[in-house]
Structure formats: structure tokens, C-alpha cells
Protein backbone atom coordinates (compact mmCIF):
# COMPACT_ATOMS: atom_id res chain seq x y z
CA MET A 1 0.15 -0.05 -0.07
CA LEU A 2 1.22 3.31 -1.01
CA LYS A 3 0.87 6.43 1.54
CA ILE A 4 0.42 9.81 -0.32
CA GLY A 5 0.79 12.66 1.31
CA LEU A 6 -1.36 15.80 0.76
CA THR A 7 -0.39 19.36 1.72
CA GLY A 8 -1.08 22.81 0.88
CA GLY A 9 -0.87 26.20 2.25
CA ILE A 10 -4.37 27.75 4.39
CA GLY A 11 -7.24 28.43 2.17
CA SER A 12 -5.55 26.61 -0.40
CA GLY A 13 -8.36 23.92 -0.35
CA LYS A 14 -6.84 20.85 0.87
CA SER A 15 -10.26 19.86 2.24
CA ILE A 16 -11.91 19.91 -1.07
CA VAL A 17 -9.27 17.68 -2.43
CA ALA A 18 -9.44 15.42 0.02
CA LYS A 19 -13.23 14.74 -0.13
CA ALA A 20 -12.86 14.31 -4.12
CA PHE A 21 -10.40 11.82 -3.15
CA GLU A 22 -12.93 10.25 -0.87
CA MET A 23 -15.42 10.06 -3.49
CA LEU A 24 -12.92 7.91 -5.36
CA GLY A 25 -12.93 5.56 -2.67
CA ILE A 26 -9.36 6.53 -0.93
CA PRO A 27 -9.78 7.08 2.56
CA VAL A 28 -7.98 10.38 3.69
CA TYR A 29 -6.55 10.96 7.19
CA VAL A 30 -6.85 14.67 8.19
CA SER A 31 -3.84 15.32 10.30
CA ASP A 32 -5.64 18.46 12.11
CA VAL A 33 -9.21 16.51 12.95
CA GLU A 34 -7.09 13.67 14.31
CA ALA A 35 -4.74 15.88 16.24
CA LYS A 36 -7.70 17.60 18.01
CA ARG A 37 -9.29 14.08 18.86
CA LEU A 38 -6.00 12.67 20.21
CA MET A 39 -5.74 16.09 22.45
CA ASN A 40 -9.30 14.94 23.69
CA THR A 41 -8.91 11.30 23.93
CA ASN A 42 -5.69 10.25 24.57
CA GLU A 43 -4.69 10.29 27.84
CA ILE A 44 -0.75 10.48 27.69
CA VAL A 45 -1.21 13.37 25.02
CA GLN A 46 -3.63 15.19 27.70
CA LYS A 47 -1.36 14.48 30.71
CA GLN A 48 1.68 15.75 28.78
CA LEU A 49 -0.16 19.09 27.85
CA ILE A 50 -1.44 19.76 31.52
CA VAL A 51 2.14 19.27 32.50
CA ARG A 52 3.55 21.86 29.83
CA PHE A 53 0.87 24.24 29.82
CA GLY A 54 -1.24 23.73 33.05
CA GLU A 55 -4.44 22.40 34.07
CA ASP A 56 -6.32 25.22 32.38
CA VAL A 57 -5.54 23.96 28.75
CA TYR A 58 -8.56 21.88 29.72
CA GLU A 59 -12.12 22.98 30.38
CA SER A 60 -13.97 21.45 33.58
CA ASN A 61 -15.71 18.44 31.42
CA GLY A 62 -12.23 17.50 29.90
CA THR A 63 -12.21 18.89 26.63
CA LEU A 64 -9.23 20.56 25.25
CA ASN A 65 -9.72 24.48 25.85
CA ARG A 66 -8.44 25.75 22.44
CA LYS A 67 -8.49 29.09 23.06
CA ARG A 68 -6.53 29.26 25.95
CA LEU A 69 -3.96 26.99 23.52
CA ALA A 70 -4.14 29.36 20.96
CA ASP A 71 -3.69 32.23 23.17
CA ILE A 72 -0.60 30.29 24.38
CA ILE A 73 1.03 29.29 21.12
CA PHE A 74 0.58 32.12 19.23
CA ASN A 75 2.43 34.47 21.79
CA ASP A 76 5.28 31.74 22.16
CA SER A 77 7.59 30.33 19.62
CA LYS A 78 8.89 27.89 21.87
CA ALA A 79 5.32 27.03 23.07
CA LEU A 80 4.38 25.86 19.69
CA LYS A 81 7.48 23.39 19.22
CA ASP A 82 6.71 21.79 22.59
CA ILE A 83 2.80 21.15 21.54
CA ASN A 84 3.82 19.89 18.51
CA SER A 85 6.67 17.71 20.17
CA ILE A 86 3.79 16.07 22.03
CA VAL A 87 1.08 15.95 19.27
CA HIS A 88 3.17 14.78 16.30
CA PRO A 89 4.29 11.58 17.54
CA ALA A 90 1.14 10.87 18.89
CA VAL A 91 -0.49 11.65 15.28
CA ARG A 92 2.06 9.70 13.83
CA LYS A 93 1.60 6.40 15.66
CA ASP A 94 -2.28 6.95 15.39
CA PHE A 95 -1.84 7.18 11.36
CA LYS A 96 0.54 3.95 11.33
CA LEU A 97 -2.47 2.09 13.26
CA TRP A 98 -5.14 3.80 10.78
CA CYS A 99 -2.73 2.51 7.46
CA ASP A 100 -3.06 -1.17 9.26
CA LYS A 101 -6.94 -1.00 9.19
CA HIS A 102 -6.83 0.14 5.30
CA ALA A 103 -3.80 -2.11 4.26
CA SER A 104 -5.59 -3.93 1.45
CA LEU A 105 -6.23 -0.77 -0.34
CA SER A 106 -3.47 0.14 -3.23
CA TYR A 107 -3.17 3.62 -1.33
CA VAL A 108 -4.49 5.93 1.67
CA ILE A 109 -3.76 9.80 1.92
CA GLN A 110 -2.61 11.92 5.13
CA GLU A 111 -3.83 15.62 5.00
CA SER A 112 -1.32 17.86 6.85
CA ALA A 113 -0.78 21.27 6.26
CA ILE A 114 2.91 21.08 7.54
CA LEU A 115 4.35 17.81 5.83
CA PHE A 116 7.50 19.83 4.83
CA ASP A 117 7.80 22.02 7.90
CA THR A 118 8.12 19.11 9.94
CA GLY A 119 9.90 16.58 7.93
CA LEU A 120 7.21 14.22 7.82
CA TYR A 121 7.07 14.28 3.75
CA ARG A 122 9.88 11.60 4.16
CA ASN A 123 7.29 9.00 5.43
CA PHE A 124 5.49 9.00 2.35
CA ASP A 125 5.74 7.54 -1.41
CA LYS A 126 4.42 10.52 -3.07
CA ILE A 127 3.27 14.16 -2.17
CA ILE A 128 0.46 15.93 -3.51
CA THR A 129 0.24 19.78 -2.91
CA VAL A 130 -2.71 21.99 -3.46
CA SER A 131 -2.07 25.30 -4.57
CA ALA A 132 -4.12 28.60 -5.18
CA GLU A 133 -2.95 32.42 -5.53
CA GLU A 134 -2.40 34.03 -2.29
CA GLU A 135 -5.30 36.41 -2.48
CA ILE A 136 -7.74 33.42 -3.19
CA ARG A 137 -6.67 31.62 -0.11
CA ILE A 138 -6.91 35.07 1.97
CA GLN A 139 -10.44 35.45 0.89
CA ARG A 140 -11.23 31.76 1.47
CA VAL A 141 -9.92 31.97 5.22
CA LEU A 142 -11.68 35.33 6.21
CA LYS A 143 -14.90 33.87 4.59
CA ARG A 144 -14.34 30.37 6.50
CA ASP A 145 -13.09 31.24 9.73
CA SER A 146 -14.20 35.51 10.15
CA SER A 147 -10.76 36.12 10.56
CA VAL A 148 -9.09 39.29 10.33
CA LEU A 149 -6.89 40.17 7.28
CA GLU A 150 -3.68 40.67 9.27
CA LEU A 151 -3.86 37.27 11.41
CA VAL A 152 -4.45 35.69 7.90
CA GLN A 153 -1.84 37.30 6.42
CA LYS A 154 0.47 36.50 9.50
CA ARG A 155 -0.42 32.86 9.16
CA ILE A 156 0.46 32.43 5.19
CA ALA A 157 3.51 34.36 5.91
CA ASN A 158 4.62 31.62 8.62
CA GLN A 159 3.93 28.75 6.35
CA LEU A 160 6.14 27.36 3.41
CA PRO A 161 5.76 29.34 0.46
CA ASP A 162 3.74 27.62 -2.56
CA GLU A 163 6.52 27.70 -4.63
CA GLU A 164 8.89 25.40 -2.30
CA ARG A 165 5.80 22.96 -1.62
CA ILE A 166 5.32 22.50 -5.65
CA GLN A 167 9.28 21.96 -6.14
CA LYS A 168 9.17 19.17 -3.66
CA SER A 169 6.16 17.56 -4.66
CA ASP A 170 5.16 14.84 -7.11
CA PHE A 171 1.99 16.05 -7.94
CA VAL A 172 0.02 19.61 -7.99
CA ILE A 173 -3.55 20.34 -7.98
CA TYR A 174 -4.12 23.92 -8.88
CA ASN A 175 -7.39 25.31 -6.95
CA ASN A 176 -8.02 28.82 -8.25
CA ASP A 177 -10.67 28.53 -11.23
CA GLU A 178 -9.66 25.32 -11.94
CA LEU A 179 -11.64 22.39 -11.87
CA ILE A 180 -10.47 19.79 -9.10
CA LEU A 181 -12.19 16.48 -9.84
CA PRO A 182 -10.53 16.14 -13.20
CA GLN A 183 -6.93 17.02 -11.49
CA VAL A 184 -7.70 14.43 -8.97
CA VAL A 185 -9.06 12.03 -11.05
CA LEU A 186 -5.78 12.10 -13.51
CA ILE A 187 -3.71 11.94 -9.98
CA ASP A 188 -5.67 8.84 -8.65
CA ARG A 189 -5.15 7.15 -12.20
CA GLU A 190 -1.11 7.77 -11.93
CA ILE A 191 -1.05 6.76 -8.74
CA ARG A 192 -2.81 3.28 -8.91
CA SER A 193 -0.87 2.43 -11.89
CA ILE A 194 2.24 2.72 -9.88
CA GLY A 195 0.84 0.83 -6.42
């Protein structure tokens, strides 16, 4: 079974591309979603987060206080590295178990915005990058998150540039005005032919 990485900057359309692959019967492991699940359900992760950031990173009902955690990591780059050192190994382990459940398939996909930033790309047979013009990405995020322009620009500035992602990828899906499904179908066909 091939392991395919799916990446792209904020607002590029990774989620839409992931849904298109799922329509073709390819399971997609969405790293952000699974990381949040693990922070709410994995006792080891929870204990490590409490030790590092304090008990107030969890609500009284035991769910993650995402606002509190976001306040901490957006104001402290070391805190972001610390949270990544706790959560990323748990996600890697969870992805491996998830892959074992899908071992009969020709390939699976893990979607993650930070494949290249973390070195995670080395664990994949092929990488797909979703690319879109920065202005389009900004407008998508502003609409989706009801965010502020400066915050969105800051998040984009903190991510790897599209050009760098594209250079390191095997496939690129352009998501400006292009249709996504035909691009996904072509990539799916090519991956199945090598799997």
C-alpha cells in the first residue's frame, strides 16, 4: 500500500481535494482533525499537555480549551514547538494504526498542512500539493473563519511558500478557478498505476 501525503497552505483547498479523493474511494486521514481528537481522548497526550501548559488548557468537562491553547502558542514560539513535540508523535502512531486497518487498499492519503515543515514528507511515497493564489487563499480564510486580514496574512507568512512546496511535490492540484475533480481523477489513475 502506498502512503500519499496531501499538503498545501491555509485556504488552498486541501479539504475539498481530500473529499474528491474520498469520492473515488480513497480513505483520507486528516491530521488536524485527528490531532484534536487525540488531544481530547489520548490520556498520555492530555497529561503531557497539562504538565507543560497547566490544567487550564482543559475545560472542567475534560475537553481541550482550544482558545487558551491558541493564546499560548500564538504568543510563544517555544510553546508551539513543545505542543508539536507532544502531539506529532501521537498523530504519527495513530496514522500507522489507521494504515494497518486499510492495508488491503492500493493507497491511502494523509492530509497535513505541515508535511514539509516537520520533515513528515519523508514518510510518504508521493506528495500532492494543493496550490492557489495568495489573494484567493486570503479571501477563502476570511470567509471561512470570520478572521481578520492581518491574522490570515501572518499565518500565510509563517507557512512554507507554495513555490517551495510545489518543487518538493510529485503532483500539484491548482485550485484557483480550475476544476478539481478532473485533476484528482488523473492523479488517482497515475498513483494506482504505480501501486
